[in-house]
Amino acid sequence: MKTPDPASSQLVGSYVDAILDTLGDGIYLSDRHGTTLWVNRMYERLTGLRREEIVGRNVQDLRREGIYDVALNPEIVATGKPATTVQITGKGRRLVLNGAPIFDQNGEVALVVTFARDVTLMAQMKDQIAEQRDLIEKYQRNFEYLAREPTQRSPLLAADTGIKRLQEQIMRLSPTDATVLLLGETGVGKDIFAHKLHEGSSRHDRPFVKVDCGAIPENLIESELFGYVPGAFSGALAKGKLGFFEMADKGTLFLDEIGELPLSMQAKLLRVLQDQEVVRVGSTQPRKVDVRILAATNRDLEEDVRQGLFRADLFYRLRVAVLHIPALRERKKDIPLLARHFLDRFASRYRKKMTFSPLAEEAMGAYSWPGNVRELENMVQSLVITCDREVIEVRDLPSALLEEQKPRVLAASQSCHAENAEKRALKDIVSDIERGLIRDALEYHGSVAKVARLFQVDRTTIFRKLQREDSGESGQAGKGRSGKRAPSAARRRRG
């Protein structure tokens, strides 16, 4: 090998600083004792440190002062081997350090050359890509969720004063971010009230995510609520999964049947509600979430707290505001409104034109509806599918509903039995039943005009029938106010 020309070596040596200043990486030279010997211009730009501030200073002192968080020099001097690490500077920049030893004639480490490359931008881009991936996954899961959810929901129809008061409460609570606990029997429509709370809030254009806590297997609840990272458990998706909390970020999370949550999950849920942070299964990194919590149950949570089935601290955290949804049997004025709404909806869906007869509506109004609004909705859909007439009559209603009407019908028609009265004409019996229906309808609706519209007659007909009753005629010649036939003159003579 040709020996370098001394003059050439001297020339390169005189320009070595300028040569190193042209490099795209930062250069940091230190001796075996850790003393800083020289840095190039790129290193100054990367760290914001000036050469005169650090040349001559020991790397360990600089680390203790917080100028660096790590230093490669001691490790490389001790091992005599190259090393790599990531360094965070005092200004928050992230540098990848690659250090290598320079040996003297005795094989001892004389110098350490460290190359510094700024990866702050790369790390930021990586974080942004991860955020975009999470956002895409969130939209995808929201799309899948919405595809499973029914597109049509029952409106909040209200003729009953109790429901009107609830509507006023919803108007007051909606603009706030207060946690709301909805209580009521199964099928009363707690999800409809939850939707109304969301629609009236500032989050109305953000996701509304409903979680049925009672329908998720216990071993999957945590991963469904909080999500999981790749490889978190056997059978997990390779890319991980977003949880319901992150899906509802900036929106509303509706925890339906929250009383069914196991105690172990109640504790984790409480921490999330307090800290507004979730930790995915298999991860230690918390993620901030901004969600409004609505919860619902058909259970008596206060009793569950007393029995140790529900955490008291979670119960008090949820009951910031409480809405009690009455059962359908307690809001009878809403029954015809809801029945007609469901009839219009399903008749339109199946391309039919249908109405309820007045007697059918009256029978529905007298029923107890143990399944509440959900039972009414399902019954109407079944009637639309199975009934081939335009007018739905009492005989078309389900047998369970009619069975419950038997005592009332028997009481109204007991005058038909021979053992309770003398033989009577059919028209007299029908008149009695007719008047009974009118009286019941007047008591229910409180207006002759409404009753006339209900029975599809004019008001004068209603007045005439009522006047006949008040006059004691009752549509039966020879009857008194007691309903018994007045004795004839011939019978008086025989007596």
Protein backbone atom coordinates (compact mmCIF):
# COMPACT_ATOMS: atom_id res chain seq x y z
CA MET A 1 0.00 0.00 0.00
CA LYS A 2 1.32 3.43 -0.93
CA THR A 3 2.30 5.59 2.04
CA PRO A 4 0.21 8.83 2.23
CA ASP A 5 2.04 11.96 1.27
CA PRO A 6 2.83 13.95 4.47
CA ALA A 7 1.91 17.16 2.74
CA SER A 8 -1.49 15.73 1.74
CA SER A 9 -2.11 14.49 5.27
CA GLN A 10 -1.21 17.90 6.64
CA LEU A 11 -3.60 19.52 4.16
CA VAL A 12 -6.48 17.24 5.18
CA GLY A 13 -5.65 17.77 8.86
CA SER A 14 -5.84 21.53 8.50
CA TYR A 15 -9.37 21.25 7.03
CA VAL A 16 -10.71 18.40 9.16
CA ASP A 17 -13.01 20.68 11.15
CA ALA A 18 -14.50 22.15 7.99
CA ILE A 19 -14.89 18.67 6.48
CA LEU A 20 -16.75 17.36 9.52
CA ASP A 21 -18.96 20.44 9.54
CA THR A 22 -20.31 19.45 6.13
CA LEU A 23 -21.72 16.13 7.39
CA GLY A 24 -25.47 15.67 7.82
CA ASP A 25 -25.07 13.91 11.17
CA GLY A 26 -23.90 15.48 14.39
CA ILE A 27 -20.35 14.50 15.46
CA TYR A 28 -19.29 14.37 19.10
CA LEU A 29 -15.67 13.57 20.03
CA SER A 30 -14.65 12.68 23.58
CA ASP A 31 -11.58 11.08 25.13
CA ARG A 32 -11.33 7.98 27.29
CA HIS A 33 -11.96 10.06 30.41
CA GLY A 34 -15.23 11.40 29.03
CA THR A 35 -13.96 14.91 28.32
CA THR A 36 -15.67 16.58 25.37
CA LEU A 37 -13.06 17.43 22.73
CA TRP A 38 -15.03 18.73 19.79
CA VAL A 39 -18.53 18.85 18.14
CA ASN A 40 -19.45 19.84 14.61
CA ARG A 41 -21.96 22.48 13.45
CA MET A 42 -24.72 19.94 12.81
CA TYR A 43 -24.48 18.76 16.41
CA GLU A 44 -24.94 22.34 17.54
CA ARG A 45 -28.05 22.69 15.39
CA LEU A 46 -29.51 19.39 16.58
CA THR A 47 -29.05 20.07 20.29
CA GLY A 48 -29.18 23.85 20.44
CA LEU A 49 -25.88 23.74 22.35
CA ARG A 50 -22.93 25.87 21.32
CA ARG A 51 -19.50 24.31 20.95
CA GLU A 52 -17.88 26.55 23.54
CA GLU A 53 -20.54 25.54 26.11
CA ILE A 54 -19.61 21.86 26.14
CA VAL A 55 -16.04 21.47 24.84
CA GLY A 56 -13.78 20.62 27.78
CA ARG A 57 -16.66 19.40 29.95
CA ASN A 58 -17.15 15.80 31.07
CA VAL A 59 -20.09 13.91 29.59
CA GLN A 60 -21.09 12.58 33.03
CA ASP A 61 -21.38 16.13 34.41
CA LEU A 62 -23.49 17.14 31.41
CA ARG A 63 -25.78 14.16 32.03
CA ARG A 64 -26.16 14.96 35.75
CA GLU A 65 -27.09 18.54 34.89
CA GLY A 66 -29.90 17.26 32.65
CA ILE A 67 -28.37 18.49 29.42
CA TYR A 68 -28.39 14.85 28.27
CA ASP A 69 -30.32 11.94 29.69
CA VAL A 70 -27.78 9.30 28.57
CA ALA A 71 -24.09 9.21 27.55
CA LEU A 72 -22.41 6.46 25.50
CA ASN A 73 -18.78 7.29 26.33
CA PRO A 74 -18.47 5.35 29.64
CA GLU A 75 -20.00 2.21 28.17
CA ILE A 76 -17.82 2.22 25.04
CA VAL A 77 -14.61 2.90 27.05
CA ALA A 78 -15.49 0.04 29.42
CA THR A 79 -16.35 -2.52 26.72
CA GLY A 80 -14.29 -1.34 23.77
CA LYS A 81 -17.32 -2.05 21.57
CA PRO A 82 -19.68 0.17 19.55
CA ALA A 83 -23.03 1.04 21.17
CA THR A 84 -26.30 2.61 20.19
CA THR A 85 -28.96 4.41 22.22
CA VAL A 86 -31.62 7.09 22.04
CA GLN A 87 -30.92 10.38 23.76
CA ILE A 88 -33.45 13.05 24.74
CA THR A 89 -31.87 16.48 24.93
CA GLY A 90 -32.85 19.17 27.42
CA LYS A 91 -34.87 20.83 24.63
CA GLY A 92 -36.93 17.67 24.11
CA ARG A 93 -35.34 16.55 20.84
CA ARG A 94 -34.86 12.83 20.26
CA LEU A 95 -31.47 11.75 18.90
CA VAL A 96 -30.25 8.30 17.88
CA LEU A 97 -26.62 7.95 19.03
CA ASN A 98 -24.18 5.54 17.40
CA GLY A 99 -20.81 5.51 19.19
CA ALA A 100 -17.56 3.79 18.18
CA PRO A 101 -14.15 3.50 19.88
CA ILE A 102 -10.84 4.74 18.41
CA PHE A 103 -7.89 2.67 19.72
CA ASP A 104 -4.27 3.77 20.33
CA GLN A 105 -1.14 1.76 19.52
CA ASN A 106 -1.57 -0.25 22.72
CA GLY A 107 -5.08 -1.30 21.88
CA GLU A 108 -6.58 1.00 24.49
CA VAL A 109 -9.58 3.22 23.77
CA ALA A 110 -8.19 6.67 23.08
CA LEU A 111 -11.25 8.44 21.66
CA VAL A 112 -14.96 7.88 21.30
CA VAL A 113 -16.71 9.15 18.15
CA THR A 114 -20.44 9.53 18.49
CA PHE A 115 -22.73 10.16 15.53
CA ALA A 116 -26.04 11.85 16.42
CA ARG A 117 -29.05 11.71 14.10
CA ASP A 118 -32.27 13.58 14.82
CA VAL A 119 -35.29 11.24 14.71
CA THR A 120 -37.72 13.64 16.40
CA LEU A 121 -39.53 14.24 13.12
CA MET A 122 -39.52 10.53 12.33
CA ALA A 123 -40.95 9.76 15.77
CA GLN A 124 -43.59 12.43 15.28
CA MET A 125 -44.50 10.97 11.92
CA LYS A 126 -44.67 7.51 13.44
CA ASP A 127 -46.97 8.79 16.19
CA GLN A 128 -49.12 10.56 13.60
CA ILE A 129 -49.35 7.40 11.52
CA ALA A 130 -50.39 5.45 14.63
CA GLU A 131 -53.02 8.10 15.44
CA GLN A 132 -54.34 7.99 11.88
CA ARG A 133 -54.47 4.19 12.04
CA ASP A 134 -56.43 4.39 15.30
CA LEU A 135 -58.75 6.99 13.76
CA ILE A 136 -59.38 4.80 10.72
CA GLU A 137 -60.06 1.84 12.99
CA LYS A 138 -62.41 3.99 15.10
CA TYR A 139 -64.40 5.04 12.03
CA GLN A 140 -64.46 1.46 10.78
CA ARG A 141 -65.75 0.15 14.10
CA ASN A 142 -68.28 2.97 14.31
CA PHE A 143 -69.48 2.08 10.82
CA GLU A 144 -69.80 -1.59 11.75
CA TYR A 145 -71.57 -0.64 14.99
CA LEU A 146 -74.04 1.65 13.21
CA ALA A 147 -74.68 -1.03 10.60
CA ARG A 148 -75.80 -3.38 13.40
CA GLU A 149 -77.88 -0.77 15.22
CA PRO A 150 -81.50 -0.17 14.15
CA THR A 151 -81.80 2.91 11.96
CA GLN A 152 -85.29 3.76 13.22
CA ARG A 153 -85.93 4.54 16.84
CA SER A 154 -89.18 5.26 18.60
CA PRO A 155 -89.88 8.96 19.09
CA LEU A 156 -90.38 10.43 22.51
CA LEU A 157 -94.17 10.76 22.16
CA ALA A 158 -95.85 12.20 25.20
CA ALA A 159 -99.42 12.90 26.21
CA ASP A 160 -98.82 11.74 29.78
CA THR A 161 -97.78 14.45 32.24
CA GLY A 162 -95.05 12.24 33.74
CA ILE A 163 -93.31 11.90 30.39
CA LYS A 164 -93.71 15.62 29.74
CA ARG A 165 -91.89 16.30 33.00
CA LEU A 166 -89.14 13.93 31.88
CA GLN A 167 -88.85 15.86 28.61
CA GLU A 168 -88.33 19.05 30.61
CA GLN A 169 -85.62 17.34 32.68
CA ILE A 170 -83.90 16.15 29.52
CA MET A 171 -83.90 19.69 28.13
CA ARG A 172 -82.16 20.89 31.29
CA LEU A 173 -79.64 18.02 31.46
CA SER A 174 -78.75 17.68 27.76
CA PRO A 175 -76.49 20.76 27.43
CA THR A 176 -74.42 19.66 30.43
CA ASP A 177 -71.84 16.89 30.53
CA ALA A 178 -73.39 15.44 33.68
CA THR A 179 -73.49 11.67 34.08
CA VAL A 180 -77.11 10.50 33.97
CA LEU A 181 -78.51 7.27 35.42
CA LEU A 182 -81.76 6.08 33.78
CA LEU A 183 -83.90 3.72 35.83
CA GLY A 184 -86.93 1.77 34.67
CA GLU A 185 -88.35 -1.63 33.81
CA THR A 186 -87.16 -3.60 30.81
CA GLY A 187 -88.65 -2.30 27.59
CA VAL A 188 -89.66 1.19 28.76
CA GLY A 189 -87.36 2.79 26.18
CA LYS A 190 -84.38 3.91 28.26
CA ASP A 191 -82.24 4.00 25.12
CA ILE A 192 -84.67 6.50 23.53
CA PHE A 193 -84.23 8.86 26.47
CA ALA A 194 -80.46 8.37 26.28
CA HIS A 195 -80.52 9.32 22.58
CA LYS A 196 -82.51 12.45 23.41
CA LEU A 197 -79.90 13.45 26.01
CA HIS A 198 -77.17 13.01 23.40
CA GLU A 199 -79.06 14.82 20.63
CA GLY A 200 -79.61 17.87 22.83
CA SER A 201 -75.96 18.11 23.87
CA SER A 202 -72.95 19.83 22.31
CA ARG A 203 -71.73 16.33 21.38
CA HIS A 204 -74.71 15.66 19.09
CA ASP A 205 -72.50 15.47 15.99
CA ARG A 206 -70.08 13.04 17.67
CA PRO A 207 -70.48 9.28 18.19
CA PHE A 208 -73.24 7.82 20.35
CA VAL A 209 -72.11 4.33 21.34
CA LYS A 210 -74.43 1.94 23.16
CA VAL A 211 -72.95 -0.97 25.11
CA ASP A 212 -75.21 -3.74 26.41
CA CYS A 213 -73.24 -4.75 29.50
CA GLY A 214 -75.41 -7.80 30.09
CA ALA A 215 -74.84 -9.23 26.61
CA ILE A 216 -71.00 -9.32 26.65
CA PRO A 217 -69.36 -12.47 28.08
CA GLU A 218 -67.54 -11.73 31.33
CA ASN A 219 -64.14 -12.75 29.94
CA LEU A 220 -64.49 -10.25 27.06
CA ILE A 221 -65.92 -7.21 28.84
CA GLU A 222 -62.57 -5.55 29.55
CA SER A 223 -61.24 -5.93 26.00
CA GLU A 224 -64.57 -4.74 24.53
CA LEU A 225 -64.71 -1.65 26.74
CA PHE A 226 -61.03 -0.70 26.70
CA GLY A 227 -59.62 -2.45 23.61
CA TYR A 228 -56.39 -4.42 23.38
CA VAL A 229 -52.95 -4.22 21.78
CA PRO A 230 -51.58 -6.73 19.21
CA GLY A 231 -50.80 -10.10 20.78
CA ALA A 232 -52.56 -9.24 24.05
CA PHE A 233 -54.03 -12.73 24.33
CA SER A 234 -54.62 -15.88 22.35
CA GLY A 235 -57.05 -15.25 19.50
CA ALA A 236 -56.54 -11.46 19.54
CA LEU A 237 -56.48 -9.61 16.23
CA ALA A 238 -52.95 -9.06 14.91
CA LYS A 239 -53.49 -5.28 14.69
CA GLY A 240 -55.19 -4.98 18.10
CA LYS A 241 -58.65 -3.57 18.65
CA LEU A 242 -60.26 -0.30 19.64
CA GLY A 243 -62.52 -0.37 22.71
CA PHE A 244 -65.95 1.21 23.10
CA PHE A 245 -64.52 4.05 25.20
CA GLU A 246 -62.16 5.11 22.43
CA MET A 247 -64.92 4.67 19.84
CA ALA A 248 -67.05 7.13 21.81
CA ASP A 249 -64.23 9.67 22.25
CA LYS A 250 -65.61 13.25 22.16
CA GLY A 251 -69.12 11.73 22.14
CA THR A 252 -71.46 9.80 24.42
CA LEU A 253 -71.10 6.27 25.81
CA PHE A 254 -74.38 4.65 26.88
CA LEU A 255 -73.80 1.75 29.30
CA ASP A 256 -77.08 -0.15 29.18
CA GLU A 257 -77.84 -2.74 31.89
CA ILE A 258 -74.88 -1.52 33.92
CA GLY A 259 -76.15 -3.48 36.92
CA GLU A 260 -75.01 -6.67 35.16
CA LEU A 261 -71.30 -5.70 35.27
CA PRO A 262 -69.19 -8.04 37.44
CA LEU A 263 -67.56 -6.45 40.50
CA SER A 264 -64.05 -6.73 39.04
CA MET A 265 -65.07 -4.63 36.05
CA GLN A 266 -66.92 -2.13 38.22
CA ALA A 267 -63.62 -1.18 39.89
CA LYS A 268 -61.89 -0.66 36.53
CA LEU A 269 -64.82 1.31 35.18
CA LEU A 270 -64.73 3.59 38.23
CA ARG A 271 -61.05 4.39 37.58
CA VAL A 272 -61.80 5.25 33.97
CA LEU A 273 -64.67 7.54 34.96
CA GLN A 274 -62.49 9.32 37.50
CA ASP A 275 -59.30 9.64 35.42
CA GLN A 276 -60.82 9.80 31.90
CA GLU A 277 -58.07 7.40 30.82
CA VAL A 278 -58.18 3.86 29.46
CA VAL A 279 -55.42 1.27 29.29
CA ARG A 280 -55.82 -1.32 26.56
CA VAL A 281 -55.49 -4.95 27.56
CA GLY A 282 -51.83 -5.96 27.20
CA SER A 283 -50.59 -2.36 27.41
CA THR A 284 -49.28 -0.12 30.19
CA GLN A 285 -49.74 3.12 28.27
CA PRO A 286 -52.84 5.11 29.32
CA ARG A 287 -54.86 6.83 26.61
CA LYS A 288 -56.91 9.95 27.30
CA VAL A 289 -60.60 9.80 26.40
CA ASP A 290 -63.28 12.45 26.54
CA VAL A 291 -66.70 10.79 26.85
CA ARG A 292 -69.99 11.62 28.48
CA ILE A 293 -71.40 8.66 30.40
CA LEU A 294 -75.06 7.68 30.40
CA ALA A 295 -76.01 4.50 32.24
CA ALA A 296 -79.24 2.53 32.56
CA THR A 297 -80.55 -0.44 34.49
CA ASN A 298 -83.77 -2.18 35.44
CA ARG A 299 -82.28 -3.31 38.75
CA ASP A 300 -82.60 -1.69 42.17
CA LEU A 301 -79.00 -0.55 42.49
CA GLU A 302 -79.43 0.72 46.04
CA GLU A 303 -80.51 -2.76 47.10
CA ASP A 304 -77.61 -4.27 45.12
CA VAL A 305 -75.23 -1.93 46.99
CA ARG A 306 -76.65 -3.12 50.33
CA GLN A 307 -76.17 -6.74 49.28
CA GLY A 308 -72.62 -6.14 48.05
CA LEU A 309 -73.51 -6.83 44.40
CA PHE A 310 -72.70 -3.31 43.21
CA ARG A 311 -69.94 -0.98 44.35
CA ALA A 312 -71.21 1.95 46.40
CA ASP A 313 -68.52 4.33 45.07
CA LEU A 314 -69.46 3.54 41.47
CA PHE A 315 -73.17 3.91 42.27
CA TYR A 316 -72.64 7.40 43.72
CA ARG A 317 -70.36 8.31 40.80
CA LEU A 318 -73.14 7.37 38.34
CA ARG A 319 -76.11 8.99 40.09
CA VAL A 320 -75.15 12.60 39.42
CA ALA A 321 -78.57 12.95 37.80
CA VAL A 322 -81.30 10.30 37.87
CA LEU A 323 -84.24 9.85 35.48
CA HIS A 324 -87.01 7.43 36.50
CA ILE A 325 -88.80 6.15 33.36
CA PRO A 326 -92.38 5.10 34.17
CA ALA A 327 -93.78 1.80 32.91
CA LEU A 328 -96.20 1.96 29.98
CA ARG A 329 -99.13 0.93 32.18
CA GLU A 330 -98.50 4.11 34.20
CA ARG A 331 -98.71 6.36 31.12
CA LYS A 332 -101.91 5.13 29.51
CA LYS A 333 -102.45 8.32 27.53
CA ASP A 334 -99.30 7.53 25.54
CA ILE A 335 -100.50 4.06 24.49
CA PRO A 336 -102.69 5.15 21.52
CA LEU A 337 -100.03 7.64 20.39
CA LEU A 338 -97.32 4.99 20.37
CA ALA A 339 -99.59 2.31 18.86
CA ARG A 340 -100.54 4.59 15.94
CA HIS A 341 -96.92 5.60 15.42
CA PHE A 342 -95.78 1.97 15.23
CA LEU A 343 -98.72 1.13 12.98
CA ASP A 344 -97.82 3.93 10.55
CA ARG A 345 -94.18 2.88 10.53
CA PHE A 346 -94.74 -0.83 9.91
CA ALA A 347 -97.66 -0.33 7.53
CA SER A 348 -95.41 1.92 5.45
CA ARG A 349 -92.60 -0.63 5.57
CA TYR A 350 -94.89 -3.44 4.35
CA ARG A 351 -96.79 -1.19 1.91
CA LYS A 352 -100.12 -1.46 3.68
CA LYS A 353 -102.79 1.01 4.81
CA MET A 354 -104.15 0.10 8.24
CA THR A 355 -105.91 1.61 11.26
CA PHE A 356 -107.07 0.44 14.68
CA SER A 357 -110.76 0.24 15.48
CA PRO A 358 -111.85 2.33 18.51
CA LEU A 359 -112.54 -0.82 20.53
CA ALA A 360 -109.11 -2.23 19.68
CA GLU A 361 -107.48 0.99 20.92
CA GLU A 362 -109.56 0.87 24.08
CA ALA A 363 -108.55 -2.74 24.71
CA MET A 364 -104.87 -1.84 24.26
CA GLY A 365 -105.29 1.07 26.66
CA ALA A 366 -106.69 -1.23 29.33
CA TYR A 367 -103.88 -3.80 29.03
CA SER A 368 -101.04 -3.83 31.62
CA TRP A 369 -98.16 -4.19 29.08
CA PRO A 370 -95.66 -6.17 31.20
CA GLY A 371 -93.16 -5.85 28.32
CA ASN A 372 -93.74 -2.10 28.09
CA VAL A 373 -93.06 -0.14 24.88
CA ARG A 374 -91.02 -2.98 23.38
CA GLU A 375 -93.97 -5.37 23.74
CA LEU A 376 -96.30 -2.82 22.13
CA GLU A 377 -93.93 -2.27 19.21
CA ASN A 378 -93.47 -5.99 18.58
CA MET A 379 -97.22 -6.63 18.83
CA VAL A 380 -98.05 -3.93 16.27
CA GLN A 381 -95.44 -5.26 13.85
CA SER A 382 -96.93 -8.75 14.19
CA LEU A 383 -100.44 -7.41 13.56
CA VAL A 384 -99.34 -5.59 10.42
CA ILE A 385 -97.71 -8.74 9.09
CA THR A 386 -100.52 -11.17 9.93
CA CYS A 387 -103.72 -9.12 9.57
CA ASP A 388 -105.20 -8.99 6.05
CA ARG A 389 -107.79 -6.27 6.76
CA GLU A 390 -107.37 -2.50 6.78
CA VAL A 391 -109.00 -2.13 10.21
CA ILE A 392 -107.49 -4.04 13.12
CA GLU A 393 -110.28 -5.24 15.40
CA VAL A 394 -110.29 -6.51 18.99
CA ARG A 395 -110.40 -10.11 17.78
CA ASP A 396 -107.06 -9.59 16.00
CA LEU A 397 -105.24 -8.71 19.22
CA PRO A 398 -103.03 -11.31 20.95
CA SER A 399 -104.74 -13.82 23.23
CA ALA A 400 -102.70 -12.67 26.25
CA LEU A 401 -104.12 -9.18 25.89
CA LEU A 402 -107.68 -10.45 25.49
CA GLU A 403 -107.36 -12.83 28.44
CA GLU A 404 -106.52 -9.91 30.67
CA GLN A 405 -109.67 -8.11 29.45
CA LYS A 406 -112.03 -10.93 30.48
CA PRO A 407 -112.91 -9.69 33.99
CA ARG A 408 -113.68 -6.22 32.66
CA VAL A 409 -115.79 -7.53 29.77
CA LEU A 410 -117.70 -9.89 32.05
CA ALA A 411 -118.40 -7.08 34.49
CA ALA A 412 -119.67 -4.85 31.69
CA SER A 413 -121.92 -7.53 30.25
CA GLN A 414 -123.12 -9.26 33.42
CA SER A 415 -126.63 -7.86 32.79
CA CYS A 416 -126.80 -10.26 29.84
CA HIS A 417 -127.03 -13.29 32.14
CA ALA A 418 -130.55 -14.60 32.75
CA GLU A 419 -129.91 -15.18 36.42
CA ASN A 420 -129.17 -11.47 37.00
CA ALA A 421 -132.16 -9.99 35.16
CA GLU A 422 -135.35 -10.82 33.40
CA LYS A 423 -135.25 -11.66 29.73
CA ARG A 424 -134.28 -8.55 27.79
CA ALA A 425 -134.14 -7.56 24.16
CA LEU A 426 -130.76 -7.68 22.43
CA LYS A 427 -130.95 -3.99 21.57
CA ASP A 428 -131.31 -3.15 25.30
CA ILE A 429 -128.24 -5.19 26.18
CA VAL A 430 -126.23 -3.55 23.39
CA SER A 431 -127.38 -0.11 24.60
CA ASP A 432 -126.11 -0.88 28.10
CA ILE A 433 -122.70 -1.92 26.81
CA GLU A 434 -122.60 1.08 24.47
CA ARG A 435 -123.31 3.51 27.32
CA GLY A 436 -120.67 1.84 29.45
CA LEU A 437 -118.09 2.37 26.71
CA ILE A 438 -119.10 6.03 26.34
CA ARG A 439 -118.81 6.62 30.09
CA ASP A 440 -115.38 4.96 30.21
CA ALA A 441 -114.19 6.97 27.21
CA LEU A 442 -115.43 10.25 28.72
CA GLU A 443 -113.70 9.48 31.99
CA TYR A 444 -110.48 8.68 30.12
CA HIS A 445 -110.45 11.53 27.55
CA GLY A 446 -112.45 14.14 29.48
CA SER A 447 -113.99 15.61 26.33
CA VAL A 448 -117.16 14.85 24.32
CA ALA A 449 -115.42 16.05 21.17
CA LYS A 450 -112.55 13.59 21.65
CA VAL A 451 -114.95 10.74 22.36
CA ALA A 452 -116.96 11.60 19.25
CA ARG A 453 -113.80 11.48 17.13
CA LEU A 454 -112.78 8.23 18.80
CA PHE A 455 -116.08 6.49 17.98
CA GLN A 456 -116.39 8.24 14.59
CA VAL A 457 -119.78 9.84 15.30
CA ASP A 458 -120.88 13.43 15.67
CA ARG A 459 -121.14 15.15 19.06
CA THR A 460 -124.94 15.28 18.99
CA THR A 461 -125.04 11.49 18.95
CA ILE A 462 -122.94 11.35 22.11
CA PHE A 463 -125.12 14.01 23.80
CA ARG A 464 -128.30 12.18 22.78
CA LYS A 465 -127.13 8.89 24.23
CA LEU A 466 -126.03 10.57 27.45
CA GLN A 467 -129.33 12.45 27.75
CA ARG A 468 -131.26 9.22 27.30
CA GLU A 469 -129.27 7.72 30.14
CA ASP A 470 -129.80 10.72 32.41
CA SER A 471 -133.54 10.74 31.70
CA GLY A 472 -133.74 7.15 32.83
CA GLU A 473 -134.86 5.86 29.42
CA SER A 474 -131.59 4.03 28.86
CA GLY A 475 -132.85 2.89 25.52
CA GLN A 476 -135.17 0.47 27.34
CA ALA A 477 -138.90 1.20 27.49
CA GLY A 478 -140.31 0.88 30.96
CA LYS A 479 -136.98 0.81 32.87
CA GLY A 480 -136.18 2.95 35.89
CA ARG A 481 -132.85 4.35 37.08
CA SER A 482 -132.07 1.07 38.79
CA GLY A 483 -132.05 -0.69 35.46
CA LYS A 484 -134.96 -2.96 36.49
CA ARG A 485 -138.13 -3.06 34.42
CA ALA A 486 -140.97 -1.00 36.01
CA PRO A 487 -143.99 -3.19 36.85
CA SER A 488 -146.95 -2.94 34.44
CA ALA A 489 -150.50 -1.96 35.46
CA ALA A 490 -151.70 -5.53 34.95
CA ARG A 491 -148.99 -6.83 37.25
CA ARG A 492 -149.89 -4.19 39.86
CA ARG A 493 -153.50 -5.36 39.73
CA ARG A 494 -152.42 -8.99 40.14
CA GLY A 495 -150.29 -7.91 43.12
